Structure formats: structure tokens, C-alpha cells
Amino acid sequence: MVLTGTLVNGAAIVVAALIGLTVRNIPEQMKTTIMQAIALAVVILGITMGIKSEQFLIVITSLVIGAIIGEIMDLDGYLNRFGLWIERKIGTEREGTVAKAFVTTTLIYVVGAMAVLGALDSGLRGDHSVLFTKSMLDGVSSLLFASTLGIGVAFSAIPVVLYQGTIALFSGQINQYVPPEIMDAFIVEMTATGGIMIIAIGLNILGLLNVKVANLLPSILVVAVIVTILHFV
């Protein structure tokens, strides 16, 4: 089935998050240290993604234009309001914790080449190996995040399934109308652009910055537009 890999990915996030909730009686100082360690690992992941760019000007331009679009659309506000809506429905001890966990982990799981490549492989070839691998990685991080950030992590499975599922379902049309050269260039520059966002997420977790990373998400689409234009110029 086309959506097998995507559904497994979503299930892995939810199950791992629920397991993580069972070990939430961790001392606050230990939670802080764990989150700092995770944040540092996230920053390093972002750096390794960011340096993959072959035309860094595309990355910079995409981030600038994407930020303008994202600020106008207020995507960060929408994601946070959805997180707060979930929070009100399920109830929580501390206001804002569900929304923070939901937004943070959603961005980490959605931004990255594995989400796109895995979904395309699932849709075009019925090969779910990339998404199965992503499921294991997301599951481990989901468990760790849930043990410190709480139940909001589990709800990040919703946008993950919608995002990857959409790509998988429309992969045939993508493959038919998008030349391989454009797709290859897009993956490279999209990975680098996503890497910058991942770095911002890590620095946000560390409390060093307060970047509205969700407002940078349109940059991914801008990358696609710029790569396409440059291909035909």
C-alpha cells in the first residue's frame, strides 16, 4: 500500500511518545541536561544537512523570501494555536507545554530529505525502507522528547502523516512532470535549507534564540521554484 511507510512513521512517533510519558518522573535537573544534549545533537544534524548545499545562494534567497511569506501567513501562529487547541481539549498541568512540544517535534520530523525521499519511494516504487528507517529515528527522538516535553510530541504524528502521505499519493504526478535533474537539485538545496531550520530549532531548545521556525517553512517551496527557474534559464 502506498501509505504503509507513512502510517508506520506516524505510529512509531505516537507509540514511542506514549512510552516516553511513562518515564516522566525524571528529576528536573536531569530533564534539563537531557534536553540540552538533544538540542546539541539537533544542531549538529542541522549543520551536516546545511553544508550539503551546492548553491548556497539558493538557500539564502529561499530563506529570506520564505520568511517574508511565512510572516505574512503567520504559520507559526497557526501551528501554536492548533497546539493550544489540543492542549485545551486534553487538559494539561502547565499552559503552553503541549503546543511547544507539538510545534518543536513537528518541525523536526517534517523538515528533512528523508520525509520527501521516503514518501516518493513509497508512492513510486512501493519501497518503504527509507520511511521505515525514518520511523526508527523519529521513534527514538519521540521517546526522548516525550519524556521531557510531554504528550504534545505524540500529536506531531498528524502533520507528519498528512505531509508525507500527500507526497506519496501524488508521487506519480511529481515523477511525470518534474525532470530528474530538477528533483535531484531540489533535494540537495531543500536538505540544506531544512538544515538551517533544524539548527534554529536546536538553538531554540537551548534557549539561545527564539526563531519562529514555522514561518520559514515556505522556504522549501521557494527552493523548488528557484531550482526550476534556474534549470530552464
Protein backbone atom coordinates (compact mmCIF):
# COMPACT_ATOMS: atom_id res chain seq x y z
CA MET A 1 0.00 0.00 0.00
CA VAL A 2 1.27 3.48 -0.90
CA LEU A 3 0.77 4.86 2.61
CA THR A 4 2.32 1.97 4.54
CA GLY A 5 5.60 3.74 5.25
CA THR A 6 3.87 6.96 6.25
CA LEU A 7 1.43 5.21 8.59
CA VAL A 8 4.25 3.24 10.22
CA ASN A 9 6.15 6.50 10.71
CA GLY A 10 3.15 8.12 12.38
CA ALA A 11 2.54 5.07 14.57
CA ALA A 12 6.19 4.97 15.64
CA ILE A 13 6.01 8.59 16.82
CA VAL A 14 2.80 8.01 18.80
CA VAL A 15 3.84 4.69 20.40
CA ALA A 16 7.31 5.95 21.31
CA ALA A 17 5.84 9.15 22.76
CA LEU A 18 3.44 7.16 24.93
CA ILE A 19 6.33 5.04 26.18
CA GLY A 20 8.28 8.23 26.88
CA LEU A 21 5.41 9.50 29.04
CA THR A 22 5.86 6.55 31.40
CA VAL A 23 9.31 7.76 32.36
CA ARG A 24 8.37 11.37 33.01
CA ASN A 25 9.23 11.20 36.73
CA ILE A 26 12.74 12.38 35.89
CA PRO A 27 14.37 15.00 38.14
CA GLU A 28 14.15 18.49 36.64
CA GLN A 29 17.91 18.92 36.51
CA MET A 30 18.23 15.64 34.61
CA LYS A 31 15.47 16.73 32.20
CA THR A 32 17.35 19.95 31.53
CA THR A 33 20.58 18.09 30.82
CA ILE A 34 18.80 15.60 28.53
CA MET A 35 17.10 18.40 26.56
CA GLN A 36 20.41 20.23 26.21
CA ALA A 37 22.04 17.06 24.89
CA ILE A 38 19.18 16.54 22.41
CA ALA A 39 19.38 20.19 21.33
CA LEU A 40 23.11 19.92 20.68
CA ALA A 41 22.54 16.77 18.62
CA VAL A 42 19.81 18.58 16.65
CA VAL A 43 22.20 21.47 15.94
CA ILE A 44 24.86 19.07 14.65
CA LEU A 45 22.25 17.33 12.47
CA GLY A 46 21.28 20.70 11.04
CA ILE A 47 24.89 21.60 10.31
CA THR A 48 25.50 18.32 8.45
CA MET A 49 22.38 19.00 6.38
CA GLY A 50 23.20 22.65 5.78
CA ILE A 51 26.66 22.06 4.32
CA LYS A 52 25.25 19.80 1.60
CA SER A 53 24.24 22.81 -0.49
CA GLU A 54 25.86 23.15 -3.90
CA GLN A 55 24.49 26.65 -4.49
CA PHE A 56 24.21 28.35 -1.12
CA LEU A 57 22.79 31.49 -2.67
CA ILE A 58 19.64 29.48 -3.38
CA VAL A 59 19.41 28.59 0.31
CA ILE A 60 19.85 32.19 1.47
CA THR A 61 17.39 33.58 -1.08
CA SER A 62 14.82 30.90 -0.28
CA LEU A 63 15.06 31.54 3.45
CA VAL A 64 14.62 35.30 3.00
CA ILE A 65 11.64 35.01 0.65
CA GLY A 66 10.20 32.13 2.67
CA ALA A 67 10.48 34.14 5.88
CA ILE A 68 8.57 37.04 4.31
CA ILE A 69 5.80 34.70 3.13
CA GLY A 70 5.72 32.86 6.44
CA GLU A 71 5.46 36.07 8.45
CA ILE A 72 2.60 37.31 6.28
CA MET A 73 0.78 33.98 6.62
CA ASP A 74 1.75 33.64 10.32
CA LEU A 75 2.31 29.88 10.04
CA ASP A 76 3.94 29.80 13.46
CA GLY A 77 0.81 31.32 14.93
CA TYR A 78 -1.41 28.74 13.24
CA LEU A 79 0.71 25.83 14.49
CA ASN A 80 0.82 27.22 18.01
CA ARG A 81 -2.92 27.87 18.07
CA PHE A 82 -3.55 24.29 16.92
CA GLY A 83 -1.24 23.08 19.68
CA LEU A 84 -3.08 25.22 22.25
CA TRP A 85 -6.42 23.87 20.95
CA ILE A 86 -5.18 20.32 21.55
CA GLU A 87 -4.00 21.44 24.97
CA ARG A 88 -7.44 22.73 25.91
CA LYS A 89 -9.08 19.53 24.71
CA ILE A 90 -6.88 17.14 26.67
CA GLY A 91 -6.04 19.40 29.62
CA THR A 92 -2.53 19.92 30.92
CA GLU A 93 -0.80 20.96 34.11
CA ARG A 94 1.30 23.71 32.55
CA GLU A 95 -0.07 26.06 29.90
CA GLY A 96 1.82 26.05 26.63
CA THR A 97 3.69 22.77 27.14
CA VAL A 98 1.61 20.77 24.64
CA ALA A 99 1.83 23.48 21.99
CA LYS A 100 5.61 23.79 22.45
CA ALA A 101 6.15 20.04 22.18
CA PHE A 102 3.83 19.75 19.17
CA VAL A 103 5.43 22.60 17.20
CA THR A 104 9.03 21.65 18.01
CA THR A 105 8.77 17.98 17.09
CA THR A 106 6.51 18.59 14.06
CA LEU A 107 9.17 20.80 12.51
CA ILE A 108 11.95 18.32 13.25
CA TYR A 109 10.05 15.39 11.71
CA VAL A 110 8.75 17.27 8.66
CA VAL A 111 11.84 19.26 7.66
CA GLY A 112 14.35 16.96 6.01
CA ALA A 113 15.15 14.98 2.91
CA MET A 114 14.09 11.62 4.35
CA ALA A 115 10.47 12.75 4.57
CA VAL A 116 10.39 13.72 0.89
CA LEU A 117 12.56 10.92 -0.49
CA GLY A 118 10.87 8.28 1.63
CA ALA A 119 7.40 9.39 0.59
CA LEU A 120 8.42 9.45 -3.08
CA ASP A 121 9.89 5.93 -2.84
CA SER A 122 6.70 4.70 -1.18
CA GLY A 123 4.49 6.20 -3.87
CA LEU A 124 6.57 5.39 -6.95
CA ARG A 125 8.15 2.04 -6.14
CA GLY A 126 6.27 0.77 -3.14
CA ASP A 127 9.62 0.80 -1.33
CA HIS A 128 9.10 1.88 2.28
CA SER A 129 12.64 1.24 3.52
CA VAL A 130 13.54 4.95 3.83
CA LEU A 131 10.41 5.73 5.82
CA PHE A 132 10.93 2.63 7.97
CA THR A 133 14.40 3.93 8.80
CA LYS A 134 12.96 7.38 9.48
CA SER A 135 10.36 5.73 11.71
CA MET A 136 13.08 4.25 13.91
CA LEU A 137 14.92 7.57 14.15
CA ASP A 138 11.72 9.52 14.83
CA GLY A 139 10.63 6.90 17.37
CA VAL A 140 13.81 7.22 19.42
CA SER A 141 13.67 11.01 19.42
CA SER A 142 9.93 10.95 20.13
CA LEU A 143 10.52 8.84 23.23
CA LEU A 144 13.20 11.23 24.48
CA PHE A 145 11.19 14.36 23.67
CA ALA A 146 8.02 13.00 25.28
CA SER A 147 9.88 12.12 28.47
CA THR A 148 10.78 15.79 28.85
CA LEU A 149 8.24 17.80 26.83
CA GLY A 150 5.14 15.64 27.30
CA ILE A 151 2.12 14.41 25.32
CA GLY A 152 2.29 17.13 22.67
CA VAL A 153 5.01 15.11 20.93
CA ALA A 154 2.51 12.37 20.03
CA PHE A 155 0.29 14.82 18.14
CA SER A 156 3.15 15.72 15.79
CA ALA A 157 2.29 12.45 14.03
CA ILE A 158 -0.74 14.20 12.48
CA PRO A 159 1.13 16.71 10.25
CA VAL A 160 3.80 14.07 9.53
CA VAL A 161 1.20 11.67 8.14
CA LEU A 162 -0.57 14.44 6.19
CA TYR A 163 2.67 15.81 4.71
CA GLN A 164 4.31 12.53 3.76
CA GLY A 165 1.01 10.94 2.76
CA THR A 166 0.26 13.77 0.34
CA ILE A 167 3.68 13.41 -1.30
CA ALA A 168 3.27 9.63 -1.56
CA LEU A 169 -0.20 9.88 -3.08
CA PHE A 170 0.85 12.45 -5.68
CA SER A 171 4.28 10.97 -6.36
CA GLY A 172 3.17 9.68 -9.76
CA GLN A 173 2.30 13.16 -10.95
CA ILE A 174 5.51 14.56 -9.43
CA ASN A 175 7.60 11.97 -11.26
CA GLN A 176 5.72 12.54 -14.51
CA TYR A 177 6.05 16.32 -14.66
CA VAL A 178 9.30 17.01 -12.78
CA PRO A 179 12.56 16.15 -14.60
CA PRO A 180 15.06 14.07 -12.56
CA GLU A 181 17.65 16.86 -12.78
CA ILE A 182 15.29 19.32 -11.12
CA MET A 183 14.29 16.82 -8.44
CA ASP A 184 17.93 15.99 -7.62
CA ALA A 185 18.85 19.68 -7.33
CA PHE A 186 15.74 20.35 -5.26
CA ILE A 187 16.56 17.55 -2.80
CA VAL A 188 20.10 18.89 -2.29
CA GLU A 189 19.10 22.51 -1.73
CA MET A 190 15.96 21.59 0.22
CA THR A 191 18.11 19.48 2.56
CA ALA A 192 20.46 22.42 3.13
CA THR A 193 17.56 24.84 3.68
CA GLY A 194 15.92 22.41 6.08
CA GLY A 195 19.26 22.07 7.86
CA ILE A 196 19.28 25.79 8.66
CA MET A 197 15.80 25.41 10.17
CA ILE A 198 16.95 22.39 12.20
CA ILE A 199 19.84 24.44 13.60
CA ALA A 200 17.34 27.15 14.61
CA ILE A 201 15.19 24.54 16.36
CA GLY A 202 18.18 23.30 18.34
CA LEU A 203 19.14 26.83 19.37
CA ASN A 204 15.53 27.49 20.35
CA ILE A 205 15.54 24.42 22.60
CA LEU A 206 18.77 25.64 24.21
CA GLY A 207 17.09 28.99 24.84
CA LEU A 208 19.75 30.86 22.86
CA LEU A 209 17.32 32.12 20.21
CA ASN A 210 13.59 32.49 19.72
CA VAL A 211 13.21 31.86 16.00
CA LYS A 212 9.71 31.30 14.60
CA VAL A 213 10.89 28.33 12.55
CA ALA A 214 7.41 27.51 11.25
CA ASN A 215 7.43 30.86 9.45
CA LEU A 216 10.44 29.63 7.48
CA LEU A 217 8.61 26.59 6.07
CA PRO A 218 7.60 28.35 2.80
CA SER A 219 11.33 28.41 2.04
CA ILE A 220 11.02 24.77 0.96
CA LEU A 221 8.55 25.73 -1.77
CA VAL A 222 10.68 28.72 -2.73
CA VAL A 223 13.63 26.35 -3.22
CA ALA A 224 11.54 24.35 -5.67
CA VAL A 225 10.60 27.48 -7.62
CA ILE A 226 14.16 28.84 -7.79
CA VAL A 227 15.65 25.47 -8.79
CA THR A 228 13.04 25.12 -11.54
CA ILE A 229 13.68 28.64 -12.87
CA LEU A 230 17.46 28.12 -12.91
CA HIS A 231 17.02 24.81 -14.73
CA PHE A 232 15.21 26.44 -17.64
CA VAL A 233 17.21 29.68 -17.76
